[in-house]
Amino acid sequence: MKVSSVPFSGTKEQEARLLEVIAKYKDMKGALMPIMQEAQDIYGYLPYQVQKIISDETGIPIEKIYGVATFYAQFSMEPKGKYTVAVCLGTACYVKGSGAILEEVEKVLGIPDGSCTADGKFSIETCRCVGACGLAPVMIVAGDVYGKLKPEDVEGILAKYE
């Protein structure tokens, strides 16, 4: 199991909420999915520590919980940064060079796609068509859209969010 580079920082209040959720669903058939969905709402992601609590409280083997967490795209095992950097890899953006934009974002932040910086400031995700094909290639940072990008634009854009 991959452990995040960002230290787990769950609070006692979050754990208490999770235990309430587990108690609410525990004896229901098919309880795992709603428990995991609400756990992710509480913590923002499903780190090992949260999966372990779910396993300990429900008796569901952690291997099964991990399998569900990694199978469904709705679940994230990595925390999201304060600023999400989304690089569009839709057809128009890709043809216009978004692959190079993604590589530059990864280089500048020092993390791969799908990860969060150790300080919790940035996370990277790729997406498909954001509907701004005329601005290709496009990157979105914290909801701000940047278009007609070149790799050399990336560092300056990200510096605005420091």
Protein backbone atom coordinates (compact mmCIF):
# COMPACT_ATOMS: atom_id res chain seq x y z
CA MET A 1 0.00 0.00 0.00
CA LYS A 2 1.39 3.38 -1.02
CA VAL A 3 1.69 5.85 1.83
CA SER A 4 1.24 9.52 1.01
CA SER A 5 4.19 11.89 1.15
CA VAL A 6 1.91 14.31 3.00
CA PRO A 7 1.68 13.45 6.71
CA PHE A 8 -1.80 12.43 7.91
CA SER A 9 -3.30 15.18 10.01
CA GLY A 10 -6.73 13.93 11.01
CA THR A 11 -8.32 15.47 14.06
CA LYS A 12 -10.20 13.88 16.98
CA GLU A 13 -13.34 15.69 15.73
CA GLN A 14 -12.98 14.06 12.29
CA GLU A 15 -12.48 10.66 13.89
CA ALA A 16 -15.58 11.14 16.04
CA ARG A 17 -17.61 12.03 12.94
CA LEU A 18 -16.25 8.96 11.13
CA LEU A 19 -17.20 6.71 14.05
CA GLU A 20 -20.74 8.16 13.95
CA VAL A 21 -20.95 7.41 10.20
CA ILE A 22 -19.73 3.86 10.74
CA ALA A 23 -22.28 3.33 13.54
CA LYS A 24 -25.04 4.62 11.27
CA TYR A 25 -24.27 2.16 8.42
CA LYS A 26 -22.43 -0.69 10.14
CA ASP A 27 -25.27 -3.21 10.23
CA MET A 28 -26.67 -2.40 6.78
CA LYS A 29 -26.04 -4.55 3.74
CA GLY A 30 -23.71 -2.73 1.34
CA ALA A 31 -22.47 -0.38 4.08
CA LEU A 32 -18.90 -0.06 2.82
CA MET A 33 -19.52 2.36 -0.07
CA PRO A 34 -21.53 4.93 1.89
CA ILE A 35 -19.07 4.71 4.79
CA MET A 36 -16.15 5.32 2.43
CA GLN A 37 -17.97 8.16 0.64
CA GLU A 38 -18.75 9.94 3.88
CA ALA A 39 -15.24 9.27 5.21
CA GLN A 40 -13.81 10.97 2.14
CA ASP A 41 -16.18 13.90 2.69
CA ILE A 42 -14.89 14.20 6.26
CA TYR A 43 -11.15 13.90 5.50
CA GLY A 44 -11.00 14.96 1.83
CA TYR A 45 -9.35 11.64 0.92
CA LEU A 46 -8.98 8.06 2.19
CA PRO A 47 -5.52 7.59 3.70
CA TYR A 48 -4.42 4.28 5.23
CA GLN A 49 -5.24 5.54 8.72
CA VAL A 50 -8.90 6.16 7.79
CA GLN A 51 -9.17 2.81 6.00
CA LYS A 52 -7.78 1.14 9.14
CA ILE A 53 -10.43 2.75 11.35
CA ILE A 54 -13.14 1.59 8.94
CA SER A 55 -11.68 -1.92 8.95
CA ASP A 56 -11.33 -2.08 12.73
CA GLU A 57 -14.86 -0.82 13.35
CA THR A 58 -16.68 -2.85 10.68
CA GLY A 59 -14.63 -6.04 10.63
CA ILE A 60 -14.19 -5.65 6.86
CA PRO A 61 -10.64 -6.67 5.91
CA ILE A 62 -8.46 -3.67 5.07
CA GLU A 63 -7.48 -5.39 1.81
CA LYS A 64 -11.09 -5.21 0.66
CA ILE A 65 -11.37 -1.54 1.64
CA TYR A 66 -8.13 -0.76 -0.19
CA GLY A 67 -9.41 -2.67 -3.23
CA VAL A 68 -12.59 -0.60 -3.34
CA ALA A 69 -10.66 2.65 -2.77
CA THR A 70 -8.30 1.92 -5.66
CA PHE A 71 -10.96 0.54 -8.01
CA TYR A 72 -13.39 3.46 -8.00
CA ALA A 73 -12.19 6.77 -9.46
CA GLN A 74 -14.35 8.72 -6.97
CA PHE A 75 -11.98 7.80 -4.15
CA SER A 76 -8.61 9.44 -3.62
CA MET A 77 -5.78 8.03 -1.56
CA GLU A 78 -3.87 11.30 -1.79
CA PRO A 79 -4.89 14.56 -0.14
CA LYS A 80 -5.79 17.49 -2.34
CA GLY A 81 -3.63 20.57 -2.11
CA LYS A 82 -4.85 24.02 -1.20
CA TYR A 83 -4.57 24.73 -4.93
CA THR A 84 -5.52 22.10 -7.49
CA VAL A 85 -3.67 22.37 -10.79
CA ALA A 86 -5.71 20.70 -13.52
CA VAL A 87 -4.12 20.20 -16.94
CA CYS A 88 -6.53 19.43 -19.76
CA LEU A 89 -5.53 16.44 -21.86
CA GLY A 90 -8.58 16.58 -24.13
CA THR A 91 -7.93 16.22 -27.86
CA ALA A 92 -7.58 19.92 -28.74
CA CYS A 93 -5.33 20.64 -25.76
CA TYR A 94 -3.25 17.52 -26.29
CA VAL A 95 -2.69 18.28 -29.98
CA LYS A 96 -1.63 21.82 -29.02
CA GLY A 97 0.94 20.61 -26.47
CA SER A 98 -0.73 20.01 -23.10
CA GLY A 99 1.51 16.98 -22.54
CA ALA A 100 4.48 19.34 -22.33
CA ILE A 101 2.49 21.62 -20.00
CA LEU A 102 1.82 18.69 -17.67
CA GLU A 103 5.50 17.71 -17.69
CA GLU A 104 6.46 21.28 -16.77
CA VAL A 105 3.90 21.43 -13.94
CA GLU A 106 5.28 18.15 -12.58
CA LYS A 107 8.83 19.49 -12.87
CA VAL A 108 8.09 22.84 -11.22
CA LEU A 109 6.13 21.28 -8.34
CA GLY A 110 8.40 18.24 -8.03
CA ILE A 111 5.51 15.76 -7.92
CA PRO A 112 3.78 13.46 -10.43
CA ASP A 113 0.20 13.77 -11.66
CA GLY A 114 -2.27 12.65 -8.99
CA SER A 115 -0.05 13.76 -6.11
CA CYS A 116 0.10 16.56 -3.57
CA THR A 117 3.16 18.59 -2.59
CA ALA A 118 4.56 17.75 0.86
CA ASP A 119 3.54 21.19 2.15
CA GLY A 120 -0.06 20.56 1.07
CA LYS A 121 -0.10 23.62 -1.16
CA PHE A 122 -0.55 22.08 -4.64
CA SER A 123 -1.99 18.94 -6.13
CA ILE A 124 -1.95 17.97 -9.79
CA GLU A 125 -4.72 16.28 -11.71
CA THR A 126 -5.35 15.75 -15.38
CA CYS A 127 -8.76 16.09 -16.92
CA ARG A 128 -10.47 15.70 -20.24
CA CYS A 129 -12.02 18.58 -22.19
CA VAL A 130 -12.90 21.57 -20.04
CA GLY A 131 -14.78 23.23 -22.89
CA ALA A 132 -12.17 25.87 -23.61
CA CYS A 133 -10.83 24.31 -26.82
CA GLY A 134 -10.27 27.71 -28.44
CA LEU A 135 -7.74 28.47 -25.68
CA ALA A 136 -5.84 25.17 -26.03
CA PRO A 137 -3.69 24.12 -24.28
CA VAL A 138 -5.45 24.94 -21.00
CA MET A 139 -4.51 24.67 -17.34
CA ILE A 140 -6.80 25.52 -14.43
CA VAL A 141 -5.36 26.57 -11.07
CA ALA A 142 -7.79 26.99 -8.18
CA GLY A 143 -10.58 27.67 -10.66
CA ASP A 144 -8.60 30.23 -12.69
CA VAL A 145 -8.33 29.27 -16.38
CA TYR A 146 -5.05 29.83 -18.24
CA GLY A 147 -4.99 29.24 -21.98
CA LYS A 148 -2.74 29.30 -25.04
CA LEU A 149 0.04 28.12 -22.74
CA LYS A 150 3.65 27.34 -23.41
CA PRO A 151 5.76 25.34 -20.94
CA GLU A 152 7.70 28.47 -20.04
CA ASP A 153 4.46 30.09 -18.75
CA VAL A 154 3.90 27.49 -16.03
CA GLU A 155 6.39 28.62 -13.38
CA GLY A 156 5.19 32.23 -13.41
CA ILE A 157 1.54 31.17 -13.16
CA LEU A 158 2.19 28.85 -10.22
CA ALA A 159 4.24 31.55 -8.46
CA LYS A 160 1.04 33.64 -8.18
CA TYR A 161 -0.31 31.04 -5.76
CA GLU A 162 2.69 30.89 -3.42
